[in-house]
Structure formats: structure tokens, C-alpha cells
Protein backbone atom coordinates (compact mmCIF):
# COMPACT_ATOMS: atom_id res chain seq x y z
CA MET A 1 121.38 50.86 135.71
CA ALA A 2 121.79 50.80 131.84
CA ALA A 3 119.43 54.18 131.96
CA ALA A 4 121.83 55.76 134.57
CA ARG A 5 124.58 55.11 132.31
CA LEU A 6 122.94 57.10 129.48
CA CYS A 7 121.55 60.14 131.48
CA SER A 8 125.35 60.31 132.25
CA LEU A 9 126.71 60.66 128.61
CA PRO A 10 127.26 64.29 127.35
CA GLY A 11 124.76 64.88 124.08
CA ARG A 12 126.80 63.95 121.75
CA ALA A 13 127.81 61.08 123.37
CA LEU A 14 124.15 59.70 124.02
CA CYS A 15 123.25 60.45 120.57
CA ARG A 16 126.51 58.39 119.11
CA HIS A 17 124.89 55.62 121.11
CA VAL A 18 121.34 55.90 120.50
CA LEU A 19 122.25 56.29 116.60
CA GLY A 20 125.44 54.56 116.29
CA SER A 21 127.17 55.39 113.17
CA VAL A 22 123.94 56.37 110.96
CA ARG A 23 125.23 59.43 108.67
CA LEU A 24 122.11 60.79 107.03
CA GLN A 25 122.52 62.68 103.90
CA ARG A 26 119.99 65.61 104.73
CA GLY A 27 120.17 67.22 108.06
CA TYR A 28 120.62 70.99 109.64
CA ARG A 29 123.55 71.56 111.67
CA GLY A 30 122.77 75.18 112.90
CA ASP A 31 126.55 76.13 112.97
CA SER A 32 128.31 79.05 111.13
CA PRO A 33 131.01 78.10 108.58
CA THR A 34 133.79 79.04 111.10
CA ASP A 35 132.51 76.85 114.17
CA SER A 36 134.48 73.96 114.99
CA GLY A 37 131.12 71.63 115.36
CA LYS A 38 132.47 70.11 118.73
CA ASP A 39 129.21 71.32 120.30
CA VAL A 40 126.91 70.85 117.71
CA LEU A 41 124.24 68.28 117.53
CA GLU A 42 123.14 67.44 113.81
CA ILE A 43 119.43 67.02 113.21
CA PRO A 44 118.07 64.35 110.80
CA LEU A 45 115.67 65.91 108.43
CA PRO A 46 113.33 63.49 106.44
CA PRO A 47 114.15 62.70 102.88
CA TRP A 48 112.01 64.93 100.39
CA GLN A 49 109.79 62.79 98.61
CA GLU A 50 107.30 63.76 95.57
CA ARG A 51 103.75 63.51 95.99
CA PRO A 52 102.38 62.04 92.70
CA ASP A 53 99.03 61.83 93.72
CA GLU A 54 98.30 64.87 95.71
CA PRO A 55 95.53 66.78 94.08
CA LEU A 56 96.50 70.05 92.37
CA GLU A 57 94.24 72.27 94.89
CA THR A 58 95.70 70.52 97.94
CA LYS A 59 99.33 70.89 96.56
CA ARG A 60 98.88 74.56 96.04
CA ALA A 61 97.50 75.13 99.37
CA ARG A 62 100.33 73.06 101.04
CA LEU A 63 103.05 75.15 98.86
CA LEU A 64 101.37 78.13 99.99
CA TYR A 65 101.64 77.43 103.56
CA GLU A 66 105.22 75.89 103.13
CA SER A 67 106.46 79.04 101.40
CA ARG A 68 104.89 81.18 104.19
CA LYS A 69 106.36 79.02 107.15
CA ARG A 70 110.31 79.24 106.47
CA GLY A 71 112.84 78.97 108.79
CA MET A 72 114.22 82.63 108.22
CA LEU A 73 111.97 85.56 107.55
CA GLU A 74 113.96 86.66 104.41
CA ASN A 75 112.50 83.37 102.84
CA CYS A 76 108.76 83.86 104.19
CA ILE A 77 108.77 87.24 102.75
CA LEU A 78 110.33 86.47 99.18
CA LEU A 79 108.57 83.00 98.98
CA SER A 80 105.12 83.94 100.12
CA LEU A 81 104.85 86.83 97.97
CA PHE A 82 106.06 84.59 94.96
CA ALA A 83 103.61 82.08 95.90
CA LYS A 84 100.89 84.57 95.64
CA GLU A 85 101.56 85.61 92.61
CA ASN A 86 102.73 82.41 90.65
CA LEU A 87 101.09 79.63 92.05
CA ASN A 88 97.70 79.46 90.80
CA ARG A 89 99.01 79.89 87.20
CA MET A 90 101.89 77.14 87.58
CA SER A 91 101.52 74.01 85.74
CA GLU A 92 101.48 70.61 87.41
CA GLN A 93 105.10 70.21 86.75
CA GLN A 94 105.89 73.55 87.61
CA LEU A 95 104.35 73.27 91.03
CA ASN A 96 106.38 69.80 91.40
CA LEU A 97 109.59 71.68 90.34
CA TYR A 98 108.66 74.24 93.16
CA ASP A 99 108.14 71.73 95.62
CA ARG A 100 111.01 69.96 95.28
CA LEU A 101 113.28 73.53 95.31
CA ILE A 102 111.58 74.82 98.83
CA ASN A 103 111.53 71.18 100.06
CA GLU A 104 114.66 69.17 99.01
CA PRO A 105 117.37 71.77 100.70
CA SER A 106 118.07 71.35 103.87
CA ASN A 107 119.20 75.05 104.44
CA ASP A 108 116.72 78.00 103.45
CA TRP A 109 119.86 80.16 103.14
CA ASP A 110 120.81 78.00 100.00
CA ILE A 111 117.48 78.93 98.40
CA TYR A 112 117.44 82.46 99.24
CA TYR A 113 121.30 82.86 98.00
CA TRP A 114 120.23 81.01 94.68
CA ALA A 115 117.27 83.46 94.44
CA THR A 116 119.14 86.48 94.88
CA GLU A 117 122.21 85.20 92.76
CA ALA A 118 124.41 85.73 95.41
CA LYS A 119 125.53 81.92 94.62
CA PRO A 120 125.10 79.99 91.75
CA THR A 121 122.21 77.43 91.68
CA PRO A 122 123.29 73.79 91.41
CA ALA A 123 122.16 71.93 87.90
CA GLU A 124 119.80 70.21 89.66
CA PHE A 125 117.70 73.00 90.78
CA GLU A 126 118.16 75.32 87.41
CA ASN A 127 114.76 74.92 85.79
CA ASP A 128 112.30 77.27 84.85
CA VAL A 129 110.70 77.88 88.45
CA MET A 130 114.17 78.57 89.63
CA ALA A 131 114.61 81.32 86.73
CA MET A 132 110.83 82.80 87.68
CA LEU A 133 111.89 83.10 91.49
CA ARG A 134 115.29 84.85 90.34
CA GLU A 135 113.12 87.27 88.27
CA PHE A 136 110.88 87.96 91.25
CA ALA A 137 113.61 88.44 93.43
CA LYS A 138 115.17 91.05 91.43
CA ASN A 139 111.90 93.04 92.17
CA LYS A 140 112.10 95.46 88.80
CA LYS A 141 108.75 96.85 89.73
CA ARG A 142 110.44 98.51 92.70
CA GLU A 143 107.81 96.87 95.16
CA GLN A 144 107.95 97.65 98.74
CA ARG A 145 108.27 94.07 100.41
CA LEU A 146 108.64 93.99 103.82
CA ARG A 147 105.90 91.33 105.05
CA GLN A 148 104.38 88.67 103.56
CA PRO A 149 100.77 89.03 102.04
CA ASP A 150 97.78 89.24 104.08
CA LEU A 151 95.69 85.87 103.82
CA GLU A 152 92.60 87.68 102.35
CA TYR A 153 93.93 86.86 98.48
CA LEU A 154 93.40 83.39 99.19
CA PHE A 155 89.13 84.18 98.81
CA GLU A 156 89.88 86.29 95.54
CA SER A 157 89.23 84.85 92.12
CA PRO A 158 92.32 83.67 90.77
CA ARG A 159 93.14 86.44 87.76
């Protein structure tokens, strides 16, 4: 009987019933700024956690993957090209800053806007890696950046 009652609830009421009044700090709403939010289901994201015991080569490989697999094409291209050019020469501290930058914000558009200087970068993400990404996004060499780099470069020796 309880299952039949739960199945008859609309989506948002069902989530409220199951989740209760839990409010998470991180989440993806998927709505536009003008959206009323009536029909939006907030999807909770797990909190970002630093991985202090992760070997550097594993961290570089993970960050390369995460730079390529984003929620939007603009960041897939921007971050994958940035990662190709910079990950192999970043220090452990810079890798940790980059990890936090691309994984803590819950909205990929925020990262893109900060990198392109469309919006100011919050103080907690303002660091040398963010400065490197902003400089990279300016594309001063006027390179054609229409797609992600091929993966063959993974087998090249680092410069």
C-alpha cells in the first residue's frame, strides 16, 4: 500500500518524501536564470575531496580524462587543450589547484566564464593555475581550437 502511495506522488513530492528536508551545498539544477524552478529536480553532487595519497602520474592521467570529459563542449575543448599543454609540467601543488578548479564548482559554465573573464573569479579559485588558464584562453597565438587533441600525444615523451 505504501509503495502504491509513493508511486502516485509527483516527482518533486516523491523526492521530498524520500530525501526529506535535506539541503546539499553542491548540486546541479539544470535550469536557466529565468526558470521558475517549479519543474526542476535538483540532482545532488558528491562533495569534492582532495586525494593527498594519489600518485602524481595517476593524478595527471585522471585530470587529463576529467579535462576531456566535461558537461559542455566549450570546456571539453578548452580544458583538454590546456591539460595537454600544461599537466606534464605542473607541480604537485598546481595539480591539486587544477583538480579543485575543475571538480569543485558544480557548474561548468562558471569555469568557462572565469577562464574567459566574462565573470570575475571567486577568491577561493584565484591562484596561479587560474591565471595560467585565463592566459591560455586568450589564445594569443591565434591557434585554431575547434576540437580536442588526439590522444596520440599521450605516448609522446614530455618536452
